[in-house]
C-alpha atoms as a PDB file:
ATOM      1  CA  UNK A   1      23.143 -12.778  -5.304  1.00  0.00           C
ATOM      2  CA  UNK A   2      24.113 -11.039  -8.391  1.00  0.00           C
ATOM      3  CA  UNK A   3      20.676 -12.508 -10.128  1.00  0.00           C
ATOM      4  CA  UNK A   4      18.774 -11.265  -6.618  1.00  0.00           C
ATOM      5  CA  UNK A   5      19.594  -7.982  -7.559  1.00  0.00           C
ATOM      6  CA  UNK A   6      19.488  -8.880 -11.135  1.00  0.00           C
ATOM      7  CA  UNK A   7      15.327  -9.441 -10.783  1.00  0.00           C
ATOM      8  CA  UNK A   8      15.181  -6.735  -8.595  1.00  0.00           C
ATOM      9  CA  UNK A   9      16.549  -4.256 -10.879  1.00  0.00           C
ATOM     10  CA  UNK A  10      14.347  -6.051 -13.731  1.00  0.00           C
ATOM     11  CA  UNK A  11      11.101  -5.256 -11.898  1.00  0.00           C
ATOM     12  CA  UNK A  12      11.545  -2.172 -11.385  1.00  0.00           C
ATOM     13  CA  UNK A  13      12.738  -1.088 -14.872  1.00  0.00           C
ATOM     14  CA  UNK A  14       8.802  -2.693 -15.421  1.00  0.00           C
ATOM     15  CA  UNK A  15       7.468  -0.084 -13.521  1.00  0.00           C
ATOM     16  CA  UNK A  16       6.876  -3.055 -10.849  1.00  0.00           C
ATOM     17  CA  UNK A  17       5.065  -0.592  -8.246  1.00  0.00           C
ATOM     18  CA  UNK A  18       5.499  -3.366  -5.079  1.00  0.00           C
ATOM     19  CA  UNK A  19       9.133  -2.860  -5.850  1.00  0.00           C
ATOM     20  CA  UNK A  20       9.459   0.459  -6.611  1.00  0.00           C
ATOM     21  CA  UNK A  21       8.192   1.199  -3.375  1.00  0.00           C
ATOM     22  CA  UNK A  22      10.193  -0.637  -1.419  1.00  0.00           C
ATOM     23  CA  UNK A  23      13.497   0.716  -3.216  1.00  0.00           C
ATOM     24  CA  UNK A  24      11.996   4.375  -2.185  1.00  0.00           C
ATOM     25  CA  UNK A  25      11.525   3.844   1.183  1.00  0.00           C
ATOM     26  CA  UNK A  26      15.104   1.636   1.547  1.00  0.00           C
ATOM     27  CA  UNK A  27      16.486   4.855  -0.392  1.00  0.00           C
ATOM     28  CA  UNK A  28      14.786   6.972   2.089  1.00  0.00           C
ATOM     29  CA  UNK A  29      16.641   4.991   4.652  1.00  0.00           C
ATOM     30  CA  UNK A  30      20.138   4.739   3.388  1.00  0.00           C
ATOM     31  CA  UNK A  31      20.069   8.471   3.248  1.00  0.00           C
ATOM     32  CA  UNK A  32      18.768   9.104   6.730  1.00  0.00           C
ATOM     33  CA  UNK A  33      21.595   7.252   8.383  1.00  0.00           C
ATOM     34  CA  UNK A  34      24.284   8.288   6.176  1.00  0.00           C
ATOM     35  CA  UNK A  35      23.263  11.774   7.148  1.00  0.00           C
ATOM     36  CA  UNK A  36      23.108  10.426  11.047  1.00  0.00           C
ATOM     37  CA  UNK A  37      26.242   8.887  10.460  1.00  0.00           C
ATOM     38  CA  UNK A  38      28.245  12.293   9.457  1.00  0.00           C
ATOM     39  CA  UNK A  39      26.053  14.277  11.924  1.00  0.00           C
ATOM     40  CA  UNK A  40      27.871  11.926  14.756  1.00  0.00           C
ATOM     41  CA  UNK A  41      31.148  11.591  13.482  1.00  0.00           C
ATOM     42  CA  UNK A  42      31.283  15.282  13.308  1.00  0.00           C
ATOM     43  CA  UNK A  43      29.389  16.055  16.360  1.00  0.00           C
ATOM     44  CA  UNK A  44      26.928  18.084  14.433  1.00  0.00           C
ATOM     45  CA  UNK A  45      24.399  18.578  16.999  1.00  0.00           C
ATOM     46  CA  UNK A  46      20.648  19.686  16.323  1.00  0.00           C
ATOM     47  CA  UNK A  47      20.504  18.685  12.777  1.00  0.00           C
ATOM     48  CA  UNK A  48      17.327  15.730  12.338  1.00  0.00           C
ATOM     49  CA  UNK A  49      16.033  15.352   9.054  1.00  0.00           C
ATOM     50  CA  UNK A  50      12.972  13.659  10.475  1.00  0.00           C
ATOM     51  CA  UNK A  51      12.093  16.917  11.848  1.00  0.00           C
ATOM     52  CA  UNK A  52      11.034  18.007   8.626  1.00  0.00           C
ATOM     53  CA  UNK A  53       9.487  14.976   7.174  1.00  0.00           C
ATOM     54  CA  UNK A  54       7.715  12.775  10.116  1.00  0.00           C
ATOM     55  CA  UNK A  55       4.184  13.910  10.284  1.00  0.00           C
ATOM     56  CA  UNK A  56       4.032  15.859  13.850  1.00  0.00           C
ATOM     57  CA  UNK A  57       1.185  15.099  16.666  1.00  0.00           C
ATOM     58  CA  UNK A  58       1.136  19.129  17.410  1.00  0.00           C
ATOM     59  CA  UNK A  59      -1.501  20.672  14.453  1.00  0.00           C
ATOM     60  CA  UNK A  60       0.569  23.924  14.690  1.00  0.00           C
ATOM     61  CA  UNK A  61       3.651  21.813  13.595  1.00  0.00           C
ATOM     62  CA  UNK A  62       1.885  19.969  10.820  1.00  0.00           C
ATOM     63  CA  UNK A  63       0.643  23.201   9.664  1.00  0.00           C
ATOM     64  CA  UNK A  64       3.772  24.526   8.851  1.00  0.00           C
ATOM     65  CA  UNK A  65       5.218  21.010   7.311  1.00  0.00           C
ATOM     66  CA  UNK A  66       1.905  19.824   5.787  1.00  0.00           C
ATOM     67  CA  UNK A  67       3.809  17.645   3.411  1.00  0.00           C
ATOM     68  CA  UNK A  68       4.512  15.234   5.683  1.00  0.00           C
ATOM     69  CA  UNK A  69       1.242  13.943   5.672  1.00  0.00           C
ATOM     70  CA  UNK A  70       2.686  12.269   2.592  1.00  0.00           C
ATOM     71  CA  UNK A  71       6.975  11.949   3.241  1.00  0.00           C
ATOM     72  CA  UNK A  72       6.271  10.061   6.745  1.00  0.00           C
ATOM     73  CA  UNK A  73       5.408   7.043   5.027  1.00  0.00           C
ATOM     74  CA  UNK A  74       8.681   6.411   3.344  1.00  0.00           C
ATOM     75  CA  UNK A  75      10.611   6.733   6.482  1.00  0.00           C
ATOM     76  CA  UNK A  76      12.383   4.781   9.163  1.00  0.00           C
ATOM     77  CA  UNK A  77      15.074   5.416  11.234  1.00  0.00           C
ATOM     78  CA  UNK A  78      16.041   1.603  12.269  1.00  0.00           C
ATOM     79  CA  UNK A  79      16.988  -1.964  10.326  1.00  0.00           C
ATOM     80  CA  UNK A  80      14.486  -3.645  12.140  1.00  0.00           C
ATOM     81  CA  UNK A  81      11.729  -1.386  11.593  1.00  0.00           C
ATOM     82  CA  UNK A  82      12.555  -1.253   8.189  1.00  0.00           C
ATOM     83  CA  UNK A  83      12.525  -5.236   7.173  1.00  0.00           C
ATOM     84  CA  UNK A  84       9.530  -5.593   9.550  1.00  0.00           C
ATOM     85  CA  UNK A  85       7.623  -3.109   7.002  1.00  0.00           C
ATOM     86  CA  UNK A  86       9.543  -4.049   3.946  1.00  0.00           C
ATOM     87  CA  UNK A  87       9.210  -7.759   4.071  1.00  0.00           C
ATOM     88  CA  UNK A  88       5.192  -7.429   5.038  1.00  0.00           C
ATOM     89  CA  UNK A  89       4.841  -5.602   2.495  1.00  0.00           C
ATOM     90  CA  UNK A  90       6.623  -7.663   0.198  1.00  0.00           C
ATOM     91  CA  UNK A  91       4.675 -10.680   1.427  1.00  0.00           C
ATOM     92  CA  UNK A  92       0.902  -9.273   1.521  1.00  0.00           C
ATOM     93  CA  UNK A  93       1.681  -6.938  -1.572  1.00  0.00           C
ATOM     94  CA  UNK A  94       2.454 -10.025  -4.089  1.00  0.00           C
ATOM     95  CA  UNK A  95      -1.368 -11.496  -2.534  1.00  0.00           C
ATOM     96  CA  UNK A  96      -2.679  -8.219  -3.361  1.00  0.00           C
ATOM     97  CA  UNK A  97      -1.598  -8.131  -7.075  1.00  0.00           C
ATOM     98  CA  UNK A  98      -3.115 -11.229  -7.686  1.00  0.00           C
ATOM     99  CA  UNK A  99      -6.637  -9.953  -7.195  1.00  0.00           C
ATOM    100  CA  UNK A 100      -6.153  -6.019  -7.817  1.00  0.00           C
ATOM    101  CA  UNK A 101      -4.335  -3.502 -10.018  1.00  0.00           C
ATOM    102  CA  UNK A 102      -0.933  -1.968  -9.446  1.00  0.00           C
ATOM    103  CA  UNK A 103      -2.785   1.183  -9.588  1.00  0.00           C
ATOM    104  CA  UNK A 104      -4.781  -0.198  -6.871  1.00  0.00           C
ATOM    105  CA  UNK A 105      -1.656  -1.078  -4.497  1.00  0.00           C
ATOM    106  CA  UNK A 106       0.265   2.446  -5.045  1.00  0.00           C
ATOM    107  CA  UNK A 107      -2.753   4.232  -4.349  1.00  0.00           C
ATOM    108  CA  UNK A 108      -3.523   2.263  -1.459  1.00  0.00           C
ATOM    109  CA  UNK A 109      -0.523   2.287  -0.077  1.00  0.00           C
ATOM    110  CA  UNK A 110      -0.749   6.144  -0.036  1.00  0.00           C
ATOM    111  CA  UNK A 111      -4.321   6.510   1.419  1.00  0.00           C
ATOM    112  CA  UNK A 112      -3.679   3.926   3.970  1.00  0.00           C
ATOM    113  CA  UNK A 113      -1.066   6.190   4.865  1.00  0.00           C
ATOM    114  CA  UNK A 114      -2.716   9.328   4.712  1.00  0.00           C
ATOM    115  CA  UNK A 115      -6.064   8.046   7.099  1.00  0.00           C
ATOM    116  CA  UNK A 116      -3.186   6.629   9.363  1.00  0.00           C
ATOM    117  CA  UNK A 117      -1.408   9.957   9.779  1.00  0.00           C
ATOM    118  CA  UNK A 118      -4.992  11.676  10.052  1.00  0.00           C
ATOM    119  CA  UNK A 119      -5.871   9.386  12.777  1.00  0.00           C
ATOM    120  CA  UNK A 120      -2.670  10.170  14.530  1.00  0.00           C
ATOM    121  CA  UNK A 121      -3.418  13.845  14.437  1.00  0.00           C
ATOM    122  CA  UNK A 122      -6.717  13.994  15.580  1.00  0.00           C
ATOM    123  CA  UNK A 123      -6.041  11.429  18.426  1.00  0.00           C
ATOM    124  CA  UNK A 124      -3.284  13.528  20.200  1.00  0.00           C
ATOM    125  CA  UNK A 125      -5.301  15.964  19.871  1.00  0.00           C
ATOM    126  CA  UNK A 126      -8.538  15.061  21.059  1.00  0.00           C
ATOM    127  CA  UNK A 127      -8.305  12.101  23.462  1.00  0.00           C
ATOM    128  CA  UNK A 128      -6.899  13.462  27.052  1.00  0.00           C
ATOM    129  CA  UNK A 129      -4.124  10.429  27.519  1.00  0.00           C
ATOM    130  CA  UNK A 130      -2.987  11.327  24.374  1.00  0.00           C
ATOM    131  CA  UNK A 131      -3.246  15.557  24.625  1.00  0.00           C
ATOM    132  CA  UNK A 132      -1.279  14.969  27.717  1.00  0.00           C
ATOM    133  CA  UNK A 133       1.554  12.715  26.119  1.00  0.00           C
ATOM    134  CA  UNK A 134       2.024  15.689  23.116  1.00  0.00           C
ATOM    135  CA  UNK A 135       1.945  18.418  25.663  1.00  0.00           C
ATOM    136  CA  UNK A 136       4.464  17.251  27.833  1.00  0.00           C
ATOM    137  CA  UNK A 137       7.067  16.726  24.976  1.00  0.00           C
ATOM    138  CA  UNK A 138       5.754  19.897  23.023  1.00  0.00           C
ATOM    139  CA  UNK A 139       6.605  21.651  26.296  1.00  0.00           C
ATOM    140  CA  UNK A 140      10.013  19.925  26.812  1.00  0.00           C
ATOM    141  CA  UNK A 141      11.433  21.022  23.217  1.00  0.00           C
ATOM    142  CA  UNK A 142      10.817  17.481  21.730  1.00  0.00           C
ATOM    143  CA  UNK A 143       7.813  17.264  19.767  1.00  0.00           C
ATOM    144  CA  UNK A 144       6.142  13.990  18.858  1.00  0.00           C
ATOM    145  CA  UNK A 145       6.278  13.001  15.143  1.00  0.00           C
ATOM    146  CA  UNK A 146       5.670   9.466  13.774  1.00  0.00           C
ATOM    147  CA  UNK A 147       7.425   7.989  11.015  1.00  0.00           C
ATOM    148  CA  UNK A 148       6.991   4.513   9.031  1.00  0.00           C
ATOM    149  CA  UNK A 149       4.993   2.439   6.340  1.00  0.00           C
ATOM    150  CA  UNK A 150       3.057   0.524   8.893  1.00  0.00           C
ATOM    151  CA  UNK A 151      -0.374   2.247   8.157  1.00  0.00           C
ATOM    152  CA  UNK A 152       0.088   1.458   4.281  1.00  0.00           C
ATOM    153  CA  UNK A 153       0.800  -1.776   4.903  1.00  0.00           C
ATOM    154  CA  UNK A 154      -2.004  -2.626   7.283  1.00  0.00           C
ATOM    155  CA  UNK A 155      -3.852  -1.044   4.836  1.00  0.00           C
ATOM    156  CA  UNK A 156      -2.823  -3.319   2.262  1.00  0.00           C
ATOM    157  CA  UNK A 157      -3.354  -6.709   4.421  1.00  0.00           C
ATOM    158  CA  UNK A 158      -6.581  -5.660   5.272  1.00  0.00           C
ATOM    159  CA  UNK A 159      -7.961  -5.042   1.775  1.00  0.00           C
ATOM    160  CA  UNK A 160      -7.264  -8.216   0.594  1.00  0.00           C
ATOM    161  CA  UNK A 161      -7.732 -10.388   3.912  1.00  0.00           C
ATOM    162  CA  UNK A 162     -11.486  -8.584   3.936  1.00  0.00           C
ATOM    163  CA  UNK A 163     -11.777  -9.162  -0.135  1.00  0.00           C
ATOM    164  CA  UNK A 164     -10.327 -13.244   0.111  1.00  0.00           C
ATOM    165  CA  UNK A 165     -10.820 -13.995   3.712  1.00  0.00           C
ATOM    166  CA  UNK A 166     -10.435 -17.714   2.758  1.00  0.00           C
ATOM    167  CA  UNK A 167      -7.344 -16.810   1.071  1.00  0.00           C
ATOM    168  CA  UNK A 168      -4.546 -19.296   3.010  1.00  0.00           C
ATOM    169  CA  UNK A 169      -0.689 -18.359   3.877  1.00  0.00           C
ATOM    170  CA  UNK A 170       1.960 -20.744   4.767  1.00  0.00           C
ATOM    171  CA  UNK A 171       3.216 -19.868   7.950  1.00  0.00           C
ATOM    172  CA  UNK A 172       7.044 -20.881   8.992  1.00  0.00           C
ATOM    173  CA  UNK A 173       6.294 -23.732   6.460  1.00  0.00           C
ATOM    174  CA  UNK A 174       4.651 -25.812   9.276  1.00  0.00           C
ATOM    175  CA  UNK A 175       0.478 -25.024   8.415  1.00  0.00           C
ATOM    176  CA  UNK A 176      -1.502 -23.029   6.431  1.00  0.00           C
ATOM    177  CA  UNK A 177      -3.858 -20.503   7.709  1.00  0.00           C
ATOM    178  CA  UNK A 178      -6.551 -18.379   6.469  1.00  0.00           C
ATOM    179  CA  UNK A 179      -4.981 -14.403   5.922  1.00  0.00           C
ATOM    180  CA  UNK A 180      -7.838 -12.719   7.299  1.00  0.00           C
ATOM    181  CA  UNK A 181      -6.832 -14.455  11.004  1.00  0.00           C
ATOM    182  CA  UNK A 182      -3.507 -12.502  10.615  1.00  0.00           C
ATOM    183  CA  UNK A 183      -5.306  -9.826   9.891  1.00  0.00           C
ATOM    184  CA  UNK A 184      -7.836  -9.600  13.307  1.00  0.00           C
ATOM    185  CA  UNK A 185      -5.037 -10.732  14.969  1.00  0.00           C
ATOM    186  CA  UNK A 186      -2.931  -7.910  14.143  1.00  0.00           C
ATOM    187  CA  UNK A 187      -5.474  -5.213  14.673  1.00  0.00           C
ATOM    188  CA  UNK A 188      -6.240  -7.153  18.385  1.00  0.00           C
ATOM    189  CA  UNK A 189      -2.436  -6.452  18.739  1.00  0.00           C
ATOM    190  CA  UNK A 190      -2.595  -2.764  18.288  1.00  0.00           C
ATOM    191  CA  UNK A 191      -5.641  -2.589  20.038  1.00  0.00           C
ATOM    192  CA  UNK A 192      -4.638  -3.765  23.214  1.00  0.00           C
ATOM    193  CA  UNK A 193      -1.223  -1.550  22.802  1.00  0.00           C
ATOM    194  CA  UNK A 194      -2.984   2.011  22.642  1.00  0.00           C
ATOM    195  CA  UNK A 195      -1.832   3.162  26.110  1.00  0.00           C
ATOM    196  CA  UNK A 196       1.417   1.084  25.610  1.00  0.00           C
ATOM    197  CA  UNK A 197       5.040   2.310  24.101  1.00  0.00           C
ATOM    198  CA  UNK A 198       4.517   3.626  20.454  1.00  0.00           C
ATOM    199  CA  UNK A 199       1.068   4.308  21.185  1.00  0.00           C
ATOM    200  CA  UNK A 200       1.117   6.932  18.363  1.00  0.00           C
ATOM    201  CA  UNK A 201       1.949   4.194  15.853  1.00  0.00           C
ATOM    202  CA  UNK A 202      -1.002   2.049  16.954  1.00  0.00           C
ATOM    203  CA  UNK A 203      -3.304   4.314  16.329  1.00  0.00           C
ATOM    204  CA  UNK A 204      -2.147   4.916  13.048  1.00  0.00           C
ATOM    205  CA  UNK A 205      -2.064   1.175  11.995  1.00  0.00           C
ATOM    206  CA  UNK A 206      -5.559   1.215  13.106  1.00  0.00           C
ATOM    207  CA  UNK A 207      -6.425   3.984  10.628  1.00  0.00           C
ATOM    208  CA  UNK A 208      -4.692   2.154   8.046  1.00  0.00           C
ATOM    209  CA  UNK A 209      -6.424  -1.057   8.608  1.00  0.00           C
ATOM    210  CA  UNK A 210     -10.204   1.123   8.232  1.00  0.00           C
ATOM    211  CA  UNK A 211      -9.106   1.529   4.984  1.00  0.00           C
ATOM    212  CA  UNK A 212      -8.036  -1.404   4.249  1.00  0.00           C
ATOM    213  CA  UNK A 213     -11.624  -2.787   5.395  1.00  0.00           C
ATOM    214  CA  UNK A 214     -13.600  -0.356   3.564  1.00  0.00           C
ATOM    215  CA  UNK A 215     -11.666  -0.358   0.174  1.00  0.00           C
ATOM    216  CA  UNK A 216     -12.627  -4.203   0.223  1.00  0.00           C
ATOM    217  CA  UNK A 217     -15.977  -4.070   1.071  1.00  0.00           C
ATOM    218  CA  UNK A 218     -16.445  -1.218  -1.518  1.00  0.00           C
ATOM    219  CA  UNK A 219     -14.946  -3.395  -4.081  1.00  0.00           C
ATOM    220  CA  UNK A 220     -17.031  -6.110  -3.859  1.00  0.00           C
ATOM    221  CA  UNK A 221     -19.845  -3.832  -4.544  1.00  0.00           C
ATOM    222  CA  UNK A 222     -18.290  -2.046  -7.495  1.00  0.00           C
ATOM    223  CA  UNK A 223     -16.559   1.265  -6.011  1.00  0.00           C
ATOM    224  CA  UNK A 224     -13.126   1.789  -6.150  1.00  0.00           C
ATOM    225  CA  UNK A 225     -12.069   3.931  -3.677  1.00  0.00           C
ATOM    226  CA  UNK A 226      -8.513   4.807  -4.501  1.00  0.00           C
ATOM    227  CA  UNK A 227      -9.810   6.051  -8.103  1.00  0.00           C
ATOM    228  CA  UNK A 228      -9.410   9.456  -7.268  1.00  0.00           C
ATOM    229  CA  UNK A 229      -5.843   9.069  -6.631  1.00  0.00           C
ATOM    230  CA  UNK A 230      -5.150   7.199  -9.601  1.00  0.00           C
ATOM    231  CA  UNK A 231      -6.433  10.178 -11.613  1.00  0.00           C
ATOM    232  CA  UNK A 232      -4.132  12.569  -9.714  1.00  0.00           C
ATOM    233  CA  UNK A 233      -1.114  10.249  -9.853  1.00  0.00           C
ATOM    234  CA  UNK A 234      -1.876   9.631 -13.798  1.00  0.00           C
ATOM    235  CA  UNK A 235      -2.283  13.780 -14.048  1.00  0.00           C
ATOM    236  CA  UNK A 236       0.919  14.346 -12.496  1.00  0.00           C
ATOM    237  CA  UNK A 237       2.584  11.883 -14.456  1.00  0.00           C
ATOM    238  CA  UNK A 238       1.280  13.035 -17.567  1.00  0.00           C
ATOM    239  CA  UNK A 239       2.537  16.370 -16.344  1.00  0.00           C
ATOM    240  CA  UNK A 240       5.910  15.695 -15.929  1.00  0.00           C
ATOM    241  CA  UNK A 241       5.946  14.283 -19.282  1.00  0.00           C
ATOM    242  CA  UNK A 242       7.285  16.223 -22.417  1.00  0.00           C
ATOM    243  CA  UNK A 243       4.943  16.436 -25.148  1.00  0.00           C
ATOM    244  CA  UNK A 244       1.892  17.676 -26.616  1.00  0.00           C
ATOM    245  CA  UNK A 245      -0.678  18.699 -24.450  1.00  0.00           C
ATOM    246  CA  UNK A 246      -2.893  15.885 -25.440  1.00  0.00           C
ATOM    247  CA  UNK A 247      -0.547  13.745 -23.242  1.00  0.00           C
ATOM    248  CA  UNK A 248      -2.053  15.519 -20.108  1.00  0.00           C
ATOM    249  CA  UNK A 249      -5.402  13.774 -20.692  1.00  0.00           C
ATOM    250  CA  UNK A 250      -6.359  10.477 -18.795  1.00  0.00           C
ATOM    251  CA  UNK A 251      -7.985   8.071 -21.080  1.00  0.00           C
ATOM    252  CA  UNK A 252      -8.973   4.491 -20.420  1.00  0.00           C
ATOM    253  CA  UNK A 253      -9.889   2.782 -23.591  1.00  0.00           C
ATOM    254  CA  UNK A 254     -11.735  -0.540 -23.007  1.00  0.00           C
ATOM    255  CA  UNK A 255     -12.188   0.230 -19.431  1.00  0.00           C
ATOM    256  CA  UNK A 256     -13.659   2.775 -17.259  1.00  0.00           C
ATOM    257  CA  UNK A 257     -11.676   1.483 -13.980  1.00  0.00           C
ATOM    258  CA  UNK A 258      -9.570  -1.489 -12.607  1.00  0.00           C
ATOM    259  CA  UNK A 259     -12.493  -2.993 -11.303  1.00  0.00           C
ATOM    260  CA  UNK A 260     -14.446  -3.006 -14.517  1.00  0.00           C
ATOM    261  CA  UNK A 261     -11.052  -4.370 -16.166  1.00  0.00           C
ATOM    262  CA  UNK A 262     -11.031  -7.077 -13.809  1.00  0.00           C
ATOM    263  CA  UNK A 263     -14.267  -8.011 -14.124  1.00  0.00           C
ATOM    264  CA  UNK A 264     -13.824  -8.015 -17.553  1.00  0.00           C
ATOM    265  CA  UNK A 265     -11.132 -10.615 -17.294  1.00  0.00           C
ATOM    266  CA  UNK A 266     -12.929 -12.543 -15.032  1.00  0.00           C
ATOM    267  CA  UNK A 267     -15.736 -13.107 -17.129  1.00  0.00           C
ATOM    268  CA  UNK A 268     -13.678 -13.985 -20.341  1.00  0.00           C
ATOM    269  CA  UNK A 269     -12.103 -16.625 -18.120  1.00  0.00           C
ATOM    270  CA  UNK A 270     -15.706 -18.057 -17.500  1.00  0.00           C
ATOM    271  CA  UNK A 271     -16.736 -18.520 -20.738  1.00  0.00           C
ATOM    272  CA  UNK A 272     -13.391 -19.762 -22.087  1.00  0.00           C
ATOM    273  CA  UNK A 273     -13.944 -22.458 -19.654  1.00  0.00           C
ATOM    274  CA  UNK A 274     -16.997 -23.386 -20.292  1.00  0.00           C
ATOM    275  CA  UNK A 275     -16.076 -23.957 -23.917  1.00  0.00           C
ATOM    276  CA  UNK A 276     -13.377 -26.184 -23.022  1.00  0.00           C
ATOM    277  CA  UNK A 277     -15.803 -27.830 -20.649  1.00  0.00           C
ATOM    278  CA  UNK A 278     -18.069 -28.134 -23.563  1.00  0.00           C
ATOM    279  CA  UNK A 279     -15.046 -29.731 -25.571  1.00  0.00           C
ATOM    280  CA  UNK A 280     -14.417 -32.387 -23.031  1.00  0.00           C
ATOM    281  CA  UNK A 281     -18.330 -33.302 -22.798  1.00  0.00           C
ATOM    282  CA  UNK A 282     -19.552 -33.091 -27.121  1.00  0.00           C
ATOM    283  CA  UNK A 283     -16.223 -32.923 -28.280  1.00  0.00           C
ATOM    284  CA  UNK A 284     -14.809 -30.088 -30.816  1.00  0.00           C
ATOM    285  CA  UNK A 285     -17.420 -30.061 -33.373  1.00  0.00           C
ATOM    286  CA  UNK A 286     -20.373 -29.367 -30.903  1.00  0.00           C
ATOM    287  CA  UNK A 287     -18.759 -25.668 -30.577  1.00  0.00           C
ATOM    288  CA  UNK A 288     -21.003 -23.351 -32.297  1.00  0.00           C
ATOM    289  CA  UNK A 289     -19.019 -20.776 -34.996  1.00  0.00           C
ATOM    290  CA  UNK A 290     -18.743 -17.685 -32.479  1.00  0.00           C
ATOM    291  CA  UNK A 291     -17.591 -20.514 -29.805  1.00  0.00           C
ATOM    292  CA  UNK A 292     -14.952 -21.672 -32.201  1.00  0.00           C
ATOM    293  CA  UNK A 293     -14.150 -17.737 -32.759  1.00  0.00           C
ATOM    294  CA  UNK A 294     -13.522 -17.128 -29.006  1.00  0.00           C
ATOM    295  CA  UNK A 295     -11.958 -20.164 -28.317  1.00  0.00           C
ATOM    296  CA  UNK A 296      -9.260 -18.640 -31.046  1.00  0.00           C
ATOM    297  CA  UNK A 297      -9.034 -15.384 -30.237  1.00  0.00           C
ATOM    298  CA  UNK A 298      -8.333 -16.396 -26.647  1.00  0.00           C
ATOM    299  CA  UNK A 299      -5.553 -18.798 -27.661  1.00  0.00           C
ATOM    300  CA  UNK A 300      -3.992 -15.848 -29.766  1.00  0.00           C
ATOM    301  CA  UNK A 301      -3.986 -13.638 -26.153  1.00  0.00           C
END
């Protein structure tokens, strides 16, 4: 057990974005659980922190608490809710990081959450079925609000599923299944549940899935739709750092963006593989001086 927590601690210190996201979600859950326990023990009725951090369906409440557009995606109230979401985030987040950068993961988490919240608010203020639900809850003094990382997780699942649809994962240690089929199955479940309980959550899941799909398709074309979020995050981080104003400028020295960096790495790998194949076929002496230099430089990395 100690080794497990030491590993988590090490990965957090190494700025592992996947572990950081999970720890933030767990920390918020534990804080809310502690507040709820205190309120129950001391009979403090009327105290509901989620009111201020869950994204409301009522447009007037949303305008009053606009920050909930971001905070809701880190909030869970039941152990099963956070357990399922964090397991899904961990499993598919690791697959995502095998193809994309940590910055892409963090930015897509936020973008998927934003898409889920926006579609949720739009649906509950424009679609008649949801308008009735929204109105009735507001009239009873219990306005609807949504919490959870599900939309963000769906964005990550769909991104990797449609970027590398042939990637296989092991299910129950019995058989392997292409990740794209898992994504499609989850989408179908959400679609047929749009008129069931937790309909708002299913609406948000679809929003996250759409963003994940768009991210994958655009990335294949050489476009990173999360790039603007990366720049905002870098700017905020640099602003909070002490030092000279020069640190406030975001720079990408040898790469314009994460896509170009990944493409550069891919090209280098293919070049080295070609040189190794040439050695296997004709021997080391068959290499040109430039190829020998490339092989030597690669061996030092």
